[in-house]
Amino acid sequence: MFARENACTPGTPFPAARHVDAEAFASYRAFPFRMPLAQHVADAVNAAALFGVGAGAVIGALDRLRRGALRAARR
């Protein structure tokens, strides 16, 4: 997991001093680690894209409802 940022190489075992972190990792629980800047940027881009898609869906739905109300009023 992010070898350079966490001062290790892939496959490096946890040192004995970090046995609590090793147990957490093996048990699929959270433990402290560092993420690279590129991962933070990718997370931000992903969040912005999800927001944009959600906002577009809401705007599209509201526009569709508005157009339906206008058609009903014309009848």
N, C-alpha and C. Protein backbone atom coordinates (compact mmCIF):
# COMPACT_ATOMS: atom_id res chain seq x y z
N MET A 1 0.83 -1.18 0.00
CA MET A 1 0.00 0.00 0.00
C MET A 1 0.87 1.24 0.00
N PHE A 2 1.02 1.85 -1.15
CA PHE A 2 1.75 3.12 -1.26
C PHE A 2 3.14 3.00 -0.63
N ALA A 3 3.96 2.16 -1.23
CA ALA A 3 5.26 1.80 -0.66
C ALA A 3 6.15 2.99 -0.35
N ARG A 4 6.31 3.90 -1.30
CA ARG A 4 7.22 5.03 -1.08
C ARG A 4 6.77 5.89 0.10
N GLU A 5 5.49 6.20 0.19
CA GLU A 5 4.98 7.07 1.24
C GLU A 5 5.06 6.41 2.62
N ASN A 6 5.03 5.08 2.66
CA ASN A 6 5.05 4.38 3.94
C ASN A 6 6.40 3.70 4.21
N ALA A 7 7.42 4.09 3.45
CA ALA A 7 8.80 3.62 3.65
C ALA A 7 8.90 2.10 3.66
N CYS A 8 8.34 1.48 2.62
CA CYS A 8 8.46 0.03 2.51
C CYS A 8 8.40 -0.35 1.03
N THR A 9 8.59 -1.62 0.75
CA THR A 9 8.44 -2.15 -0.61
C THR A 9 7.32 -3.18 -0.57
N PRO A 10 6.70 -3.46 -1.71
CA PRO A 10 5.64 -4.47 -1.71
C PRO A 10 6.14 -5.80 -1.15
N GLY A 11 5.40 -6.36 -0.24
CA GLY A 11 5.77 -7.63 0.38
C GLY A 11 6.56 -7.50 1.67
N THR A 12 6.94 -6.27 2.03
CA THR A 12 7.69 -6.07 3.27
C THR A 12 6.78 -6.39 4.46
N PRO A 13 7.23 -7.25 5.38
CA PRO A 13 6.39 -7.54 6.55
C PRO A 13 6.36 -6.36 7.51
N PHE A 14 5.34 -6.31 8.32
CA PHE A 14 5.26 -5.29 9.35
C PHE A 14 6.37 -5.54 10.37
N PRO A 15 7.04 -4.48 10.84
CA PRO A 15 8.04 -4.68 11.91
C PRO A 15 7.34 -5.08 13.21
N ALA A 16 8.09 -5.70 14.11
CA ALA A 16 7.53 -6.18 15.37
C ALA A 16 6.90 -5.04 16.17
N ALA A 17 7.45 -3.85 16.06
CA ALA A 17 6.92 -2.71 16.80
C ALA A 17 5.52 -2.31 16.33
N ARG A 18 5.14 -2.76 15.14
CA ARG A 18 3.82 -2.40 14.60
C ARG A 18 2.89 -3.61 14.56
N HIS A 19 3.01 -4.50 15.53
CA HIS A 19 2.19 -5.71 15.53
C HIS A 19 0.69 -5.40 15.62
N VAL A 20 0.33 -4.32 16.28
CA VAL A 20 -1.09 -3.93 16.37
C VAL A 20 -1.61 -3.56 14.98
N ASP A 21 -0.79 -2.81 14.22
CA ASP A 21 -1.17 -2.45 12.85
C ASP A 21 -1.27 -3.70 11.97
N ALA A 22 -0.35 -4.64 12.15
CA ALA A 22 -0.38 -5.88 11.38
C ALA A 22 -1.65 -6.67 11.67
N GLU A 23 -2.03 -6.75 12.93
CA GLU A 23 -3.26 -7.46 13.29
C GLU A 23 -4.49 -6.76 12.70
N ALA A 24 -4.49 -5.44 12.73
CA ALA A 24 -5.60 -4.68 12.15
C ALA A 24 -5.67 -4.92 10.64
N PHE A 25 -4.52 -4.90 9.97
CA PHE A 25 -4.47 -5.15 8.53
C PHE A 25 -5.00 -6.54 8.20
N ALA A 26 -4.56 -7.54 8.95
CA ALA A 26 -4.98 -8.92 8.71
C ALA A 26 -6.46 -9.14 9.01
N SER A 27 -7.02 -8.30 9.86
CA SER A 27 -8.44 -8.42 10.24
C SER A 27 -9.33 -7.47 9.45
N TYR A 28 -8.77 -6.84 8.40
CA TYR A 28 -9.52 -5.91 7.55
C TYR A 28 -10.06 -4.72 8.35
N ARG A 29 -9.33 -4.30 9.38
CA ARG A 29 -9.70 -3.11 10.14
C ARG A 29 -8.77 -1.96 9.73
N ALA A 30 -9.18 -0.76 10.05
CA ALA A 30 -8.39 0.43 9.69
C ALA A 30 -7.11 0.49 10.51
N PHE A 31 -6.06 0.99 9.90
CA PHE A 31 -4.80 1.26 10.59
C PHE A 31 -4.16 2.46 9.91
N PRO A 32 -3.30 3.19 10.59
CA PRO A 32 -2.74 4.42 10.02
C PRO A 32 -1.75 4.13 8.89
N PHE A 33 -1.90 4.84 7.79
CA PHE A 33 -0.96 4.77 6.66
C PHE A 33 -1.06 6.08 5.90
N ARG A 34 -0.12 6.32 5.01
CA ARG A 34 -0.10 7.56 4.23
C ARG A 34 -0.45 7.26 2.78
N MET A 35 -1.22 8.17 2.19
CA MET A 35 -1.55 8.06 0.77
C MET A 35 -0.75 9.10 0.00
N PRO A 36 -0.36 8.78 -1.24
CA PRO A 36 0.37 9.76 -2.05
C PRO A 36 -0.55 10.90 -2.50
N LEU A 37 0.07 12.00 -2.88
CA LEU A 37 -0.68 13.16 -3.35
C LEU A 37 -1.56 12.80 -4.54
N ALA A 38 -1.05 11.97 -5.44
CA ALA A 38 -1.84 11.58 -6.62
C ALA A 38 -3.14 10.90 -6.21
N GLN A 39 -3.12 10.12 -5.14
CA GLN A 39 -4.35 9.46 -4.68
C GLN A 39 -5.33 10.47 -4.11
N HIS A 40 -4.83 11.46 -3.40
CA HIS A 40 -5.70 12.52 -2.89
C HIS A 40 -6.34 13.29 -4.04
N VAL A 41 -5.56 13.58 -5.08
CA VAL A 41 -6.08 14.28 -6.26
C VAL A 41 -7.14 13.42 -6.95
N ALA A 42 -6.85 12.13 -7.12
CA ALA A 42 -7.81 11.23 -7.76
C ALA A 42 -9.11 11.14 -6.95
N ASP A 43 -9.00 11.10 -5.64
CA ASP A 43 -10.19 11.07 -4.78
C ASP A 43 -11.02 12.35 -4.95
N ALA A 44 -10.35 13.50 -5.04
CA ALA A 44 -11.05 14.77 -5.22
C ALA A 44 -11.73 14.83 -6.58
N VAL A 45 -11.05 14.37 -7.62
CA VAL A 45 -11.64 14.35 -8.97
C VAL A 45 -12.86 13.43 -8.99
N ASN A 46 -12.74 12.27 -8.36
CA ASN A 46 -13.85 11.33 -8.29
C ASN A 46 -15.05 11.94 -7.56
N ALA A 47 -14.80 12.60 -6.44
CA ALA A 47 -15.89 13.24 -5.69
C ALA A 47 -16.56 14.33 -6.52
N ALA A 48 -15.76 15.13 -7.23
CA ALA A 48 -16.32 16.19 -8.07
C ALA A 48 -17.15 15.60 -9.20
N ALA A 49 -16.67 14.51 -9.80
CA ALA A 49 -17.41 13.87 -10.89
C ALA A 49 -18.73 13.28 -10.38
N LEU A 50 -18.69 12.64 -9.22
CA LEU A 50 -19.93 12.09 -8.65
C LEU A 50 -20.93 13.20 -8.34
N PHE A 51 -20.43 14.31 -7.80
CA PHE A 51 -21.30 15.45 -7.53
C PHE A 51 -21.90 15.97 -8.83
N GLY A 52 -21.07 16.09 -9.88
CA GLY A 52 -21.56 16.59 -11.17
C GLY A 52 -22.62 15.69 -11.77
N VAL A 53 -22.41 14.39 -11.71
CA VAL A 53 -23.40 13.45 -12.24
C VAL A 53 -24.70 13.53 -11.44
N GLY A 54 -24.57 13.58 -10.13
CA GLY A 54 -25.76 13.69 -9.28
C GLY A 54 -26.52 14.98 -9.53
N ALA A 55 -25.79 16.09 -9.62
CA ALA A 55 -26.42 17.38 -9.89
C ALA A 55 -27.09 17.37 -11.25
N GLY A 56 -26.44 16.78 -12.24
CA GLY A 56 -27.04 16.69 -13.57
C GLY A 56 -28.32 15.87 -13.57
N ALA A 57 -28.33 14.78 -12.81
CA ALA A 57 -29.52 13.95 -12.72
C ALA A 57 -30.67 14.71 -12.05
N VAL A 58 -30.37 15.43 -10.99
CA VAL A 58 -31.40 16.21 -10.30
C VAL A 58 -31.93 17.32 -11.21
N ILE A 59 -31.03 18.03 -11.87
CA ILE A 59 -31.46 19.11 -12.78
C ILE A 59 -32.30 18.54 -13.91
N GLY A 60 -31.87 17.41 -14.47
CA GLY A 60 -32.64 16.78 -15.54
C GLY A 60 -34.02 16.35 -15.08
N ALA A 61 -34.11 15.78 -13.89
CA ALA A 61 -35.40 15.35 -13.36
C ALA A 61 -36.31 16.54 -13.11
N LEU A 62 -35.76 17.60 -12.53
CA LEU A 62 -36.57 18.80 -12.28
C LEU A 62 -37.04 19.43 -13.59
N ASP A 63 -36.18 19.44 -14.61
CA ASP A 63 -36.57 19.99 -15.91
C ASP A 63 -37.67 19.16 -16.53
N ARG A 64 -37.55 17.85 -16.41
CA ARG A 64 -38.57 16.96 -16.96
C ARG A 64 -39.92 17.18 -16.26
N LEU A 65 -39.88 17.33 -14.94
CA LEU A 65 -41.11 17.61 -14.19
C LEU A 65 -41.71 18.95 -14.59
N ARG A 66 -40.86 19.95 -14.77
CA ARG A 66 -41.33 21.29 -15.16
C ARG A 66 -41.98 21.23 -16.53
N ARG A 67 -41.36 20.53 -17.47
CA ARG A 67 -41.93 20.44 -18.82
C ARG A 67 -43.25 19.69 -18.81
N GLY A 68 -43.34 18.66 -17.97
CA GLY A 68 -44.60 17.92 -17.85
C GLY A 68 -45.70 18.79 -17.28
N ALA A 69 -45.38 19.63 -16.31
CA ALA A 69 -46.37 20.54 -15.72
C ALA A 69 -46.81 21.58 -16.74
N LEU A 70 -45.89 22.05 -17.57
CA LEU A 70 -46.25 23.04 -18.60
C LEU A 70 -47.17 22.41 -19.64
N ARG A 71 -46.90 21.17 -20.03
CA ARG A 71 -47.77 20.50 -21.01
C ARG A 71 -49.17 20.29 -20.43
N ALA A 72 -49.23 19.91 -19.16
CA ALA A 72 -50.54 19.68 -18.52
C ALA A 72 -51.32 20.99 -18.42
N ALA A 73 -50.65 22.09 -18.19
CA ALA A 73 -51.33 23.39 -18.06
C ALA A 73 -51.86 23.87 -19.40
N ARG A 74 -51.24 23.47 -20.50
CA ARG A 74 -51.68 23.91 -21.83
C ARG A 74 -52.92 23.17 -22.29
N ARG A 75 -53.22 22.04 -21.71
CA ARG A 75 -54.36 21.23 -22.18
C ARG A 75 -55.66 21.78 -21.75
